[in-house]
Amino acid sequence: MGSIVGSAVAFGLNITSLALIAATGYTLGASISYVLAWLLGESYVKNKIGEEMFQRYAKIWNKYGYKLSALFSFIPGFPIDLLAFVCGCLRTKAKFFIPICWLALLIQFCYVD
């Protein structure tokens, strides 16, 4: 996605407007993965790794998840959809996930070469 924004900037379009639109669109797309993982992912993961292991991971994620979400979101090229899946499965609150995702993507898109 960054290369598309970079190409559009090369044609003279405003980087700020493009970054806002791209970050919003990408966040909406990641939100679909988040919602699907919220609705369907927990039972699937519990079947694969077991209830006890899932609860252990959920406990750790609930303690450090917001910091980890922010950290991973700001890594350029990190698959935000994977982060959305993890956050959805482990029931991260959307009021934290969506702003972190959007802000990280906005910053990444603003600094496209």
PDB file of N, CA and C in Angstrom:
ATOM      1  N   MET A   1       0.817  -1.192   0.000  1.00  0.00           N
ATOM      2  CA  MET A   1       0.000   0.000   0.000  1.00  0.00           C
ATOM      3  C   MET A   1       0.859   1.253   0.000  1.00  0.00           C
ATOM      4  N   GLY A   2       1.973   1.220   0.675  1.00  0.00           N
ATOM      5  CA  GLY A   2       2.850   2.375   0.731  1.00  0.00           C
ATOM      6  C   GLY A   2       3.366   2.775  -0.631  1.00  0.00           C
ATOM      7  N   SER A   3       3.602   1.809  -1.510  1.00  0.00           N
ATOM      8  CA  SER A   3       4.098   2.135  -2.836  1.00  0.00           C
ATOM      9  C   SER A   3       3.030   2.844  -3.668  1.00  0.00           C
ATOM     10  N   ILE A   4       1.780   2.526  -3.442  1.00  0.00           N
ATOM     11  CA  ILE A   4       0.697   3.212  -4.157  1.00  0.00           C
ATOM     12  C   ILE A   4       0.630   4.664  -3.708  1.00  0.00           C
ATOM     13  N   VAL A   5       0.733   4.881  -2.398  1.00  0.00           N
ATOM     14  CA  VAL A   5       0.727   6.251  -1.878  1.00  0.00           C
ATOM     15  C   VAL A   5       1.946   6.999  -2.397  1.00  0.00           C
ATOM     16  N   GLY A   6       3.104   6.342  -2.390  1.00  0.00           N
ATOM     17  CA  GLY A   6       4.328   6.959  -2.900  1.00  0.00           C
ATOM     18  C   GLY A   6       4.207   7.332  -4.367  1.00  0.00           C
ATOM     19  N   SER A   7       3.602   6.462  -5.159  1.00  0.00           N
ATOM     20  CA  SER A   7       3.406   6.748  -6.579  1.00  0.00           C
ATOM     21  C   SER A   7       2.469   7.929  -6.782  1.00  0.00           C
ATOM     22  N   ALA A   8       1.414   7.983  -5.981  1.00  0.00           N
ATOM     23  CA  ALA A   8       0.463   9.092  -6.096  1.00  0.00           C
ATOM     24  C   ALA A   8       1.125  10.417  -5.729  1.00  0.00           C
ATOM     25  N   VAL A   9       2.013  10.392  -4.731  1.00  0.00           N
ATOM     26  CA  VAL A   9       2.735  11.606  -4.339  1.00  0.00           C
ATOM     27  C   VAL A   9       3.655  12.046  -5.463  1.00  0.00           C
ATOM     28  N   ALA A  10       4.264  11.079  -6.150  1.00  0.00           N
ATOM     29  CA  ALA A  10       5.156  11.399  -7.264  1.00  0.00           C
ATOM     30  C   ALA A  10       4.413  12.131  -8.386  1.00  0.00           C
ATOM     31  N   PHE A  11       3.106  11.888  -8.504  1.00  0.00           N
ATOM     32  CA  PHE A  11       2.303  12.574  -9.504  1.00  0.00           C
ATOM     33  C   PHE A  11       1.795  13.922  -9.013  1.00  0.00           C
ATOM     34  N   GLY A  12       2.212  14.332  -7.812  1.00  0.00           N
ATOM     35  CA  GLY A  12       1.889  15.660  -7.320  1.00  0.00           C
ATOM     36  C   GLY A  12       0.693  15.757  -6.395  1.00  0.00           C
ATOM     37  N   LEU A  13       0.146  14.635  -5.978  1.00  0.00           N
ATOM     38  CA  LEU A  13      -0.987  14.685  -5.057  1.00  0.00           C
ATOM     39  C   LEU A  13      -0.508  14.974  -3.639  1.00  0.00           C
ATOM     40  N   ASN A  14      -1.345  15.549  -2.823  1.00  0.00           N
ATOM     41  CA  ASN A  14      -1.014  15.956  -1.463  1.00  0.00           C
ATOM     42  C   ASN A  14      -0.798  14.732  -0.565  1.00  0.00           C
ATOM     43  N   ILE A  15       0.379  14.628   0.057  1.00  0.00           N
ATOM     44  CA  ILE A  15       0.719  13.477   0.891  1.00  0.00           C
ATOM     45  C   ILE A  15      -0.183  13.372   2.111  1.00  0.00           C
ATOM     46  N   THR A  16      -0.558  14.494   2.696  1.00  0.00           N
ATOM     47  CA  THR A  16      -1.395  14.459   3.898  1.00  0.00           C
ATOM     48  C   THR A  16      -2.770  13.878   3.590  1.00  0.00           C
ATOM     49  N   SER A  17      -3.389  14.345   2.518  1.00  0.00           N
ATOM     50  CA  SER A  17      -4.703  13.824   2.135  1.00  0.00           C
ATOM     51  C   SER A  17      -4.626  12.349   1.793  1.00  0.00           C
ATOM     52  N   LEU A  18      -3.611  11.981   1.040  1.00  0.00           N
ATOM     53  CA  LEU A  18      -3.450  10.577   0.672  1.00  0.00           C
ATOM     54  C   LEU A  18      -3.219   9.704   1.897  1.00  0.00           C
ATOM     55  N   ALA A  19      -2.409  10.176   2.826  1.00  0.00           N
ATOM     56  CA  ALA A  19      -2.115   9.400   4.036  1.00  0.00           C
ATOM     57  C   ALA A  19      -3.379   9.217   4.873  1.00  0.00           C
ATOM     58  N   LEU A  20      -4.184  10.272   4.999  1.00  0.00           N
ATOM     59  CA  LEU A  20      -5.437  10.162   5.758  1.00  0.00           C
ATOM     60  C   LEU A  20      -6.392   9.159   5.123  1.00  0.00           C
ATOM     61  N   ILE A  21      -6.529   9.230   3.822  1.00  0.00           N
ATOM     62  CA  ILE A  21      -7.427   8.316   3.113  1.00  0.00           C
ATOM     63  C   ILE A  21      -6.909   6.888   3.172  1.00  0.00           C
ATOM     64  N   ALA A  22      -5.619   6.705   2.930  1.00  0.00           N
ATOM     65  CA  ALA A  22      -5.038   5.361   2.945  1.00  0.00           C
ATOM     66  C   ALA A  22      -5.103   4.740   4.337  1.00  0.00           C
ATOM     67  N   ALA A  23      -4.782   5.506   5.359  1.00  0.00           N
ATOM     68  CA  ALA A  23      -4.823   4.978   6.734  1.00  0.00           C
ATOM     69  C   ALA A  23      -6.245   4.601   7.125  1.00  0.00           C
ATOM     70  N   THR A  24      -7.212   5.424   6.738  1.00  0.00           N
ATOM     71  CA  THR A  24      -8.604   5.125   7.064  1.00  0.00           C
ATOM     72  C   THR A  24      -9.082   3.871   6.341  1.00  0.00           C
ATOM     73  N   GLY A  25      -8.776   3.785   5.068  1.00  0.00           N
ATOM     74  CA  GLY A  25      -9.180   2.609   4.295  1.00  0.00           C
ATOM     75  C   GLY A  25      -8.529   1.325   4.777  1.00  0.00           C
ATOM     76  N   TYR A  26      -7.249   1.389   5.059  1.00  0.00           N
ATOM     77  CA  TYR A  26      -6.532   0.204   5.529  1.00  0.00           C
ATOM     78  C   TYR A  26      -7.043  -0.211   6.906  1.00  0.00           C
ATOM     79  N   THR A  27      -7.352   0.760   7.755  1.00  0.00           N
ATOM     80  CA  THR A  27      -7.887   0.454   9.078  1.00  0.00           C
ATOM     81  C   THR A  27      -9.264  -0.190   8.972  1.00  0.00           C
ATOM     82  N   LEU A  28     -10.090   0.297   8.068  1.00  0.00           N
ATOM     83  CA  LEU A  28     -11.400  -0.331   7.854  1.00  0.00           C
ATOM     84  C   LEU A  28     -11.245  -1.767   7.380  1.00  0.00           C
ATOM     85  N   GLY A  29     -10.302  -2.004   6.496  1.00  0.00           N
ATOM     86  CA  GLY A  29     -10.039  -3.366   6.038  1.00  0.00           C
ATOM     87  C   GLY A  29      -9.538  -4.265   7.159  1.00  0.00           C
ATOM     88  N   ALA A  30      -8.644  -3.743   7.984  1.00  0.00           N
ATOM     89  CA  ALA A  30      -8.139  -4.517   9.116  1.00  0.00           C
ATOM     90  C   ALA A  30      -9.243  -4.760  10.137  1.00  0.00           C
ATOM     91  N   SER A  31     -10.187  -3.840  10.228  1.00  0.00           N
ATOM     92  CA  SER A  31     -11.299  -4.006  11.164  1.00  0.00           C
ATOM     93  C   SER A  31     -12.185  -5.187  10.784  1.00  0.00           C
ATOM     94  N   ILE A  32     -12.270  -5.485   9.511  1.00  0.00           N
ATOM     95  CA  ILE A  32     -13.029  -6.659   9.074  1.00  0.00           C
ATOM     96  C   ILE A  32     -12.363  -7.926   9.609  1.00  0.00           C
ATOM     97  N   SER A  33     -11.049  -8.004   9.500  1.00  0.00           N
ATOM     98  CA  SER A  33     -10.318  -9.149  10.058  1.00  0.00           C
ATOM     99  C   SER A  33     -10.497  -9.214  11.568  1.00  0.00           C
ATOM    100  N   TYR A  34     -10.466  -8.054  12.200  1.00  0.00           N
ATOM    101  CA  TYR A  34     -10.636  -7.969  13.653  1.00  0.00           C
ATOM    102  C   TYR A  34     -12.005  -8.523  14.070  1.00  0.00           C
ATOM    103  N   VAL A  35     -13.055  -8.084  13.390  1.00  0.00           N
ATOM    104  CA  VAL A  35     -14.417  -8.513  13.735  1.00  0.00           C
ATOM    105  C   VAL A  35     -14.595 -10.008  13.474  1.00  0.00           C
ATOM    106  N   LEU A  36     -14.097 -10.491  12.350  1.00  0.00           N
ATOM    107  CA  LEU A  36     -14.207 -11.924  12.066  1.00  0.00           C
ATOM    108  C   LEU A  36     -13.463 -12.761  13.101  1.00  0.00           C
ATOM    109  N   ALA A  37     -12.292 -12.304  13.503  1.00  0.00           N
ATOM    110  CA  ALA A  37     -11.537 -13.027  14.531  1.00  0.00           C
ATOM    111  C   ALA A  37     -12.262 -12.943  15.873  1.00  0.00           C
ATOM    112  N   TRP A  38     -12.893 -11.819  16.156  1.00  0.00           N
ATOM    113  CA  TRP A  38     -13.646 -11.660  17.410  1.00  0.00           C
ATOM    114  C   TRP A  38     -14.805 -12.660  17.449  1.00  0.00           C
ATOM    115  N   LEU A  39     -15.509 -12.785  16.315  1.00  0.00           N
ATOM    116  CA  LEU A  39     -16.689 -13.643  16.264  1.00  0.00           C
ATOM    117  C   LEU A  39     -16.350 -15.127  16.127  1.00  0.00           C
ATOM    118  N   LEU A  40     -15.351 -15.444  15.321  1.00  0.00           N
ATOM    119  CA  LEU A  40     -15.083 -16.840  14.983  1.00  0.00           C
ATOM    120  C   LEU A  40     -13.739 -17.365  15.459  1.00  0.00           C
ATOM    121  N   GLY A  41     -12.791 -16.479  15.691  1.00  0.00           N
ATOM    122  CA  GLY A  41     -11.422 -16.907  15.946  1.00  0.00           C
ATOM    123  C   GLY A  41     -11.178 -17.561  17.281  1.00  0.00           C
ATOM    124  N   GLU A  42     -11.858 -17.085  18.335  1.00  0.00           N
ATOM    125  CA  GLU A  42     -11.596 -17.614  19.669  1.00  0.00           C
ATOM    126  C   GLU A  42     -11.892 -19.106  19.743  1.00  0.00           C
ATOM    127  N   SER A  43     -13.035 -19.532  19.244  1.00  0.00           N
ATOM    128  CA  SER A  43     -13.375 -20.958  19.306  1.00  0.00           C
ATOM    129  C   SER A  43     -12.427 -21.788  18.443  1.00  0.00           C
ATOM    130  N   TYR A  44     -12.029 -21.252  17.298  1.00  0.00           N
ATOM    131  CA  TYR A  44     -11.099 -21.972  16.429  1.00  0.00           C
ATOM    132  C   TYR A  44      -9.741 -22.158  17.111  1.00  0.00           C
ATOM    133  N   VAL A  45      -9.230 -21.093  17.689  1.00  0.00           N
ATOM    134  CA  VAL A  45      -7.928 -21.169  18.345  1.00  0.00           C
ATOM    135  C   VAL A  45      -7.991 -22.075  19.572  1.00  0.00           C
ATOM    136  N   LYS A  46      -9.082 -21.991  20.325  1.00  0.00           N
ATOM    137  CA  LYS A  46      -9.237 -22.875  21.489  1.00  0.00           C
ATOM    138  C   LYS A  46      -9.236 -24.339  21.078  1.00  0.00           C
ATOM    139  N   ASN A  47      -9.863 -24.652  19.950  1.00  0.00           N
ATOM    140  CA  ASN A  47      -9.859 -26.033  19.455  1.00  0.00           C
ATOM    141  C   ASN A  47      -8.457 -26.491  19.063  1.00  0.00           C
ATOM    142  N   LYS A  48      -7.656 -25.579  18.556  1.00  0.00           N
ATOM    143  CA  LYS A  48      -6.317 -25.932  18.090  1.00  0.00           C
ATOM    144  C   LYS A  48      -5.298 -26.037  19.225  1.00  0.00           C
ATOM    145  N   ILE A  49      -5.349 -25.112  20.189  1.00  0.00           N
ATOM    146  CA  ILE A  49      -4.304 -25.104  21.224  1.00  0.00           C
ATOM    147  C   ILE A  49      -4.804 -25.510  22.604  1.00  0.00           C
ATOM    148  N   GLY A  50      -6.101 -25.583  22.793  1.00  0.00           N
ATOM    149  CA  GLY A  50      -6.665 -25.963  24.073  1.00  0.00           C
ATOM    150  C   GLY A  50      -7.059 -24.764  24.911  1.00  0.00           C
ATOM    151  N   GLU A  51      -8.024 -25.001  25.778  1.00  0.00           N
ATOM    152  CA  GLU A  51      -8.578 -23.937  26.623  1.00  0.00           C
ATOM    153  C   GLU A  51      -7.536 -23.353  27.568  1.00  0.00           C
ATOM    154  N   GLU A  52      -6.760 -24.216  28.198  1.00  0.00           N
ATOM    155  CA  GLU A  52      -5.778 -23.755  29.190  1.00  0.00           C
ATOM    156  C   GLU A  52      -4.704 -22.871  28.560  1.00  0.00           C
ATOM    157  N   MET A  53      -4.162 -23.308  27.440  1.00  0.00           N
ATOM    158  CA  MET A  53      -3.137 -22.534  26.743  1.00  0.00           C
ATOM    159  C   MET A  53      -3.715 -21.208  26.249  1.00  0.00           C
ATOM    160  N   PHE A  54      -4.948 -21.242  25.734  1.00  0.00           N
ATOM    161  CA  PHE A  54      -5.586 -20.007  25.272  1.00  0.00           C
ATOM    162  C   PHE A  54      -5.731 -19.014  26.418  1.00  0.00           C
ATOM    163  N   GLN A  55      -6.184 -19.483  27.561  1.00  0.00           N
ATOM    164  CA  GLN A  55      -6.350 -18.596  28.714  1.00  0.00           C
ATOM    165  C   GLN A  55      -5.020 -18.009  29.165  1.00  0.00           C
ATOM    166  N   ARG A  56      -3.965 -18.788  29.074  1.00  0.00           N
ATOM    167  CA  ARG A  56      -2.632 -18.289  29.434  1.00  0.00           C
ATOM    168  C   ARG A  56      -2.216 -17.163  28.484  1.00  0.00           C
ATOM    169  N   TYR A  57      -2.402 -17.382  27.187  1.00  0.00           N
ATOM    170  CA  TYR A  57      -2.064 -16.350  26.206  1.00  0.00           C
ATOM    171  C   TYR A  57      -2.941 -15.112  26.381  1.00  0.00           C
ATOM    172  N   ALA A  58      -4.228 -15.323  26.631  1.00  0.00           N
ATOM    173  CA  ALA A  58      -5.148 -14.198  26.807  1.00  0.00           C
ATOM    174  C   ALA A  58      -4.756 -13.376  28.030  1.00  0.00           C
ATOM    175  N   LYS A  59      -4.340 -14.025  29.090  1.00  0.00           N
ATOM    176  CA  LYS A  59      -3.930 -13.308  30.296  1.00  0.00           C
ATOM    177  C   LYS A  59      -2.709 -12.433  30.021  1.00  0.00           C
ATOM    178  N   ILE A  60      -1.732 -12.991  29.330  1.00  0.00           N
ATOM    179  CA  ILE A  60      -0.532 -12.222  28.980  1.00  0.00           C
ATOM    180  C   ILE A  60      -0.898 -11.067  28.051  1.00  0.00           C
ATOM    181  N   TRP A  61      -1.727 -11.344  27.054  1.00  0.00           N
ATOM    182  CA  TRP A  61      -2.112 -10.310  26.090  1.00  0.00           C
ATOM    183  C   TRP A  61      -2.893  -9.193  26.770  1.00  0.00           C
ATOM    184  N   ASN A  62      -3.773  -9.543  27.704  1.00  0.00           N
ATOM    185  CA  ASN A  62      -4.545  -8.516  28.406  1.00  0.00           C
ATOM    186  C   ASN A  62      -3.662  -7.640  29.276  1.00  0.00           C
ATOM    187  N   LYS A  63      -2.523  -8.156  29.675  1.00  0.00           N
ATOM    188  CA  LYS A  63      -1.596  -7.367  30.486  1.00  0.00           C
ATOM    189  C   LYS A  63      -0.708  -6.471  29.622  1.00  0.00           C
ATOM    190  N   TYR A  64      -0.195  -7.004  28.523  1.00  0.00           N
ATOM    191  CA  TYR A  64       0.773  -6.289  27.683  1.00  0.00           C
ATOM    192  C   TYR A  64       0.281  -5.990  26.269  1.00  0.00           C
ATOM    193  N   GLY A  65      -0.914  -6.404  25.930  1.00  0.00           N
ATOM    194  CA  GLY A  65      -1.398  -6.348  24.551  1.00  0.00           C
ATOM    195  C   GLY A  65      -1.429  -4.979  23.921  1.00  0.00           C
ATOM    196  N   TYR A  66      -1.821  -3.966  24.680  1.00  0.00           N
ATOM    197  CA  TYR A  66      -1.920  -2.634  24.089  1.00  0.00           C
ATOM    198  C   TYR A  66      -0.549  -2.089  23.731  1.00  0.00           C
ATOM    199  N   LYS A  67       0.406  -2.349  24.600  1.00  0.00           N
ATOM    200  CA  LYS A  67       1.779  -1.920  24.313  1.00  0.00           C
ATOM    201  C   LYS A  67       2.341  -2.693  23.129  1.00  0.00           C
ATOM    202  N   LEU A  68       2.085  -4.002  23.084  1.00  0.00           N
ATOM    203  CA  LEU A  68       2.561  -4.811  21.967  1.00  0.00           C
ATOM    204  C   LEU A  68       1.883  -4.410  20.664  1.00  0.00           C
ATOM    205  N   SER A  69       0.600  -4.108  20.724  1.00  0.00           N
ATOM    206  CA  SER A  69      -0.115  -3.656  19.523  1.00  0.00           C
ATOM    207  C   SER A  69       0.510  -2.389  18.970  1.00  0.00           C
ATOM    208  N   ALA A  70       0.773  -1.444  19.847  1.00  0.00           N
ATOM    209  CA  ALA A  70       1.394  -0.193  19.416  1.00  0.00           C
ATOM    210  C   ALA A  70       2.786  -0.451  18.858  1.00  0.00           C
ATOM    211  N   LEU A  71       3.564  -1.281  19.529  1.00  0.00           N
ATOM    212  CA  LEU A  71       4.917  -1.584  19.074  1.00  0.00           C
ATOM    213  C   LEU A  71       4.903  -2.232  17.693  1.00  0.00           C
ATOM    214  N   PHE A  72       4.099  -3.273  17.532  1.00  0.00           N
ATOM    215  CA  PHE A  72       4.058  -3.973  16.256  1.00  0.00           C
ATOM    216  C   PHE A  72       3.449  -3.124  15.151  1.00  0.00           C
ATOM    217  N   SER A  73       2.510  -2.263  15.476  1.00  0.00           N
ATOM    218  CA  SER A  73       1.881  -1.413  14.465  1.00  0.00           C
ATOM    219  C   SER A  73       2.857  -0.439  13.835  1.00  0.00           C
ATOM    220  N   PHE A  74       3.835  -0.003  14.606  1.00  0.00           N
ATOM    221  CA  PHE A  74       4.772   0.996  14.094  1.00  0.00           C
ATOM    222  C   PHE A  74       5.954   0.385  13.344  1.00  0.00           C
ATOM    223  N   ILE A  75       5.996  -0.929  13.219  1.00  0.00           N
ATOM    224  CA  ILE A  75       7.041  -1.577  12.423  1.00  0.00           C
ATOM    225  C   ILE A  75       6.617  -1.513  10.956  1.00  0.00           C
ATOM    226  N   PRO A  76       7.382  -0.803  10.127  1.00  0.00           N
ATOM    227  CA  PRO A  76       6.998  -0.704   8.712  1.00  0.00           C
ATOM    228  C   PRO A  76       6.947  -2.085   8.057  1.00  0.00           C
ATOM    229  N   GLY A  77       5.879  -2.327   7.338  1.00  0.00           N
ATOM    230  CA  GLY A  77       5.728  -3.589   6.640  1.00  0.00           C
ATOM    231  C   GLY A  77       5.137  -4.703   7.483  1.00  0.00           C
ATOM    232  N   PHE A  78       4.898  -4.466   8.770  1.00  0.00           N
ATOM    233  CA  PHE A  78       4.309  -5.503   9.615  1.00  0.00           C
ATOM    234  C   PHE A  78       2.875  -5.740   9.160  1.00  0.00           C
ATOM    235  N   PRO A  79       2.471  -6.991   9.032  1.00  0.00           N
ATOM    236  CA  PRO A  79       1.107  -7.263   8.549  1.00  0.00           C
ATOM    237  C   PRO A  79       0.054  -6.895   9.596  1.00  0.00           C
ATOM    238  N   ILE A  80      -0.581  -5.774   9.388  1.00  0.00           N
ATOM    239  CA  ILE A  80      -1.598  -5.275  10.313  1.00  0.00           C
ATOM    240  C   ILE A  80      -2.765  -6.258  10.408  1.00  0.00           C
ATOM    241  N   ASP A  81      -3.045  -6.985   9.322  1.00  0.00           N
ATOM    242  CA  ASP A  81      -4.129  -7.964   9.363  1.00  0.00           C
ATOM    243  C   ASP A  81      -3.831  -9.088  10.353  1.00  0.00           C
ATOM    244  N   LEU A  82      -2.588  -9.472  10.466  1.00  0.00           N
ATOM    245  CA  LEU A  82      -2.210 -10.474  11.460  1.00  0.00           C
ATOM    246  C   LEU A  82      -2.435  -9.929  12.866  1.00  0.00           C
ATOM    247  N   LEU A  83      -2.050  -8.693  13.087  1.00  0.00           N
ATOM    248  CA  LEU A  83      -2.277  -8.055  14.377  1.00  0.00           C
ATOM    249  C   LEU A  83      -3.778  -7.949  14.658  1.00  0.00           C
ATOM    250  N   ALA A  84      -4.568  -7.637  13.642  1.00  0.00           N
ATOM    251  CA  ALA A  84      -6.022  -7.559  13.807  1.00  0.00           C
ATOM    252  C   ALA A  84      -6.588  -8.914  14.200  1.00  0.00           C
ATOM    253  N   PHE A  85      -6.082  -9.977  13.598  1.00  0.00           N
ATOM    254  CA  PHE A  85      -6.533 -11.321  13.939  1.00  0.00           C
ATOM    255  C   PHE A  85      -6.224 -11.651  15.395  1.00  0.00           C
ATOM    256  N   VAL A  86      -5.008 -11.368  15.828  1.00  0.00           N
ATOM    257  CA  VAL A  86      -4.612 -11.638  17.211  1.00  0.00           C
ATOM    258  C   VAL A  86      -5.450 -10.812  18.184  1.00  0.00           C
ATOM    259  N   CYS A  87      -5.596  -9.532  17.881  1.00  0.00           N
ATOM    260  CA  CYS A  87      -6.381  -8.664  18.767  1.00  0.00           C
ATOM    261  C   CYS A  87      -7.843  -9.098  18.818  1.00  0.00           C
ATOM    262  N   GLY A  88      -8.395  -9.525  17.711  1.00  0.00           N
ATOM    263  CA  GLY A  88      -9.779  -9.995  17.694  1.00  0.00           C
ATOM    264  C   GLY A  88      -9.957 -11.284  18.470  1.00  0.00           C
ATOM    265  N   CYS A  89      -9.061 -12.230  18.256  1.00  0.00           N
ATOM    266  CA  CYS A  89      -9.150 -13.510  18.966  1.00  0.00           C
ATOM    267  C   CYS A  89      -9.019 -13.335  20.469  1.00  0.00           C
ATOM    268  N   LEU A  90      -8.146 -12.457  20.883  1.00  0.00           N
ATOM    269  CA  LEU A  90      -7.888 -12.277  22.311  1.00  0.00           C
ATOM    270  C   LEU A  90      -8.738 -11.161  22.919  1.00  0.00           C
ATOM    271  N   ARG A  91      -9.724 -10.689  22.151  1.00  0.00           N
ATOM    272  CA  ARG A  91     -10.730  -9.747  22.624  1.00  0.00           C
ATOM    273  C   ARG A  91     -10.170  -8.408  23.095  1.00  0.00           C
ATOM    274  N   THR A  92      -9.194  -7.896  22.345  1.00  0.00           N
ATOM    275  CA  THR A  92      -8.700  -6.543  22.618  1.00  0.00           C
ATOM    276  C   THR A  92      -9.830  -5.565  22.327  1.00  0.00           C
ATOM    277  N   LYS A  93     -10.013  -4.591  23.165  1.00  0.00           N
ATOM    278  CA  LYS A  93     -11.099  -3.625  22.968  1.00  0.00           C
ATOM    279  C   LYS A  93     -10.860  -2.808  21.705  1.00  0.00           C
ATOM    280  N   ALA A  94     -11.903  -2.675  20.916  1.00  0.00           N
ATOM    281  CA  ALA A  94     -11.806  -1.934  19.654  1.00  0.00           C
ATOM    282  C   ALA A  94     -11.434  -0.477  19.885  1.00  0.00           C
ATOM    283  N   LYS A  95     -11.843   0.088  21.016  1.00  0.00           N
ATOM    284  CA  LYS A  95     -11.532   1.493  21.274  1.00  0.00           C
ATOM    285  C   LYS A  95     -10.031   1.711  21.455  1.00  0.00           C
ATOM    286  N   PHE A  96      -9.271   0.644  21.675  1.00  0.00           N
ATOM    287  CA  PHE A  96      -7.815   0.746  21.722  1.00  0.00           C
ATOM    288  C   PHE A  96      -7.180   0.300  20.408  1.00  0.00           C
ATOM    289  N   PHE A  97      -7.678  -0.795  19.853  1.00  0.00           N
ATOM    290  CA  PHE A  97      -7.071  -1.347  18.646  1.00  0.00           C
ATOM    291  C   PHE A  97      -7.187  -0.407  17.452  1.00  0.00           C
ATOM    292  N   ILE A  98      -8.367   0.121  17.201  1.00  0.00           N
ATOM    293  CA  ILE A  98      -8.590   0.936  16.000  1.00  0.00           C
ATOM    294  C   ILE A  98      -7.756   2.216  16.004  1.00  0.00           C
ATOM    295  N   PRO A  99      -7.725   2.992  17.086  1.00  0.00           N
ATOM    296  CA  PRO A  99      -6.876   4.193  17.057  1.00  0.00           C
ATOM    297  C   PRO A  99      -5.382   3.880  16.928  1.00  0.00           C
ATOM    298  N   ILE A 100      -4.930   2.817  17.580  1.00  0.00           N
ATOM    299  CA  ILE A 100      -3.516   2.442  17.465  1.00  0.00           C
ATOM    300  C   ILE A 100      -3.196   2.087  16.025  1.00  0.00           C
ATOM    301  N   CYS A 101      -4.043   1.278  15.424  1.00  0.00           N
ATOM    302  CA  CYS A 101      -3.849   0.858  14.027  1.00  0.00           C
ATOM    303  C   CYS A 101      -3.868   2.068  13.097  1.00  0.00           C
ATOM    304  N   TRP A 102      -4.864   2.923  13.235  1.00  0.00           N
ATOM    305  CA  TRP A 102      -5.011   4.072  12.342  1.00  0.00           C
ATOM    306  C   TRP A 102      -3.826   5.036  12.464  1.00  0.00           C
ATOM    307  N   LEU A 103      -3.435   5.343  13.694  1.00  0.00           N
ATOM    308  CA  LEU A 103      -2.330   6.278  13.904  1.00  0.00           C
ATOM    309  C   LEU A 103      -1.019   5.725  13.353  1.00  0.00           C
ATOM    310  N   ALA A 104      -0.766   4.459  13.592  1.00  0.00           N
ATOM    311  CA  ALA A 104       0.463   3.849  13.080  1.00  0.00           C
ATOM    312  C   ALA A 104       0.495   3.872  11.553  1.00  0.00           C
ATOM    313  N   LEU A 105      -0.628   3.546  10.932  1.00  0.00           N
ATOM    314  CA  LEU A 105      -0.681   3.567   9.471  1.00  0.00           C
ATOM    315  C   LEU A 105      -0.561   4.986   8.932  1.00  0.00           C
ATOM    316  N   LEU A 106      -1.184   5.938   9.594  1.00  0.00           N
ATOM    317  CA  LEU A 106      -1.081   7.330   9.160  1.00  0.00           C
ATOM    318  C   LEU A 106       0.374   7.793   9.179  1.00  0.00           C
ATOM    319  N   ILE A 107       1.069   7.489  10.238  1.00  0.00           N
ATOM    320  CA  ILE A 107       2.483   7.880  10.338  1.00  0.00           C
ATOM    321  C   ILE A 107       3.310   7.186   9.264  1.00  0.00           C
ATOM    322  N   GLN A 108       3.059   5.896   9.052  1.00  0.00           N
ATOM    323  CA  GLN A 108       3.809   5.177   8.018  1.00  0.00           C
ATOM    324  C   GLN A 108       3.548   5.760   6.633  1.00  0.00           C
ATOM    325  N   PHE A 109       2.303   6.078   6.332  1.00  0.00           N
ATOM    326  CA  PHE A 109       1.965   6.617   5.007  1.00  0.00           C
ATOM    327  C   PHE A 109       2.486   8.043   4.825  1.00  0.00           C
ATOM    328  N   CYS A 110       2.628   8.795   5.882  1.00  0.00           N
ATOM    329  CA  CYS A 110       3.161  10.156   5.768  1.00  0.00           C
ATOM    330  C   CYS A 110       4.647  10.159   5.419  1.00  0.00           C
ATOM    331  N   TYR A 111       5.329   9.111   5.770  1.00  0.00           N
ATOM    332  CA  TYR A 111       6.775   9.038   5.537  1.00  0.00           C
ATOM    333  C   TYR A 111       7.130   8.091   4.413  1.00  0.00           C
ATOM    334  N   VAL A 112       6.272   8.007   3.409  1.00  0.00           N
ATOM    335  CA  VAL A 112       6.545   7.182   2.232  1.00  0.00           C
ATOM    336  C   VAL A 112       7.556   7.898   1.361  1.00  0.00           C
ATOM    337  N   ASP A 113       8.496   7.149   0.872  1.00  0.00           N
ATOM    338  CA  ASP A 113       9.515   7.742  -0.041  1.00  0.00           C
ATOM    339  C   ASP A 113       8.980   7.855  -1.438  1.00  0.00           C
TER     340      ASP A 113
END
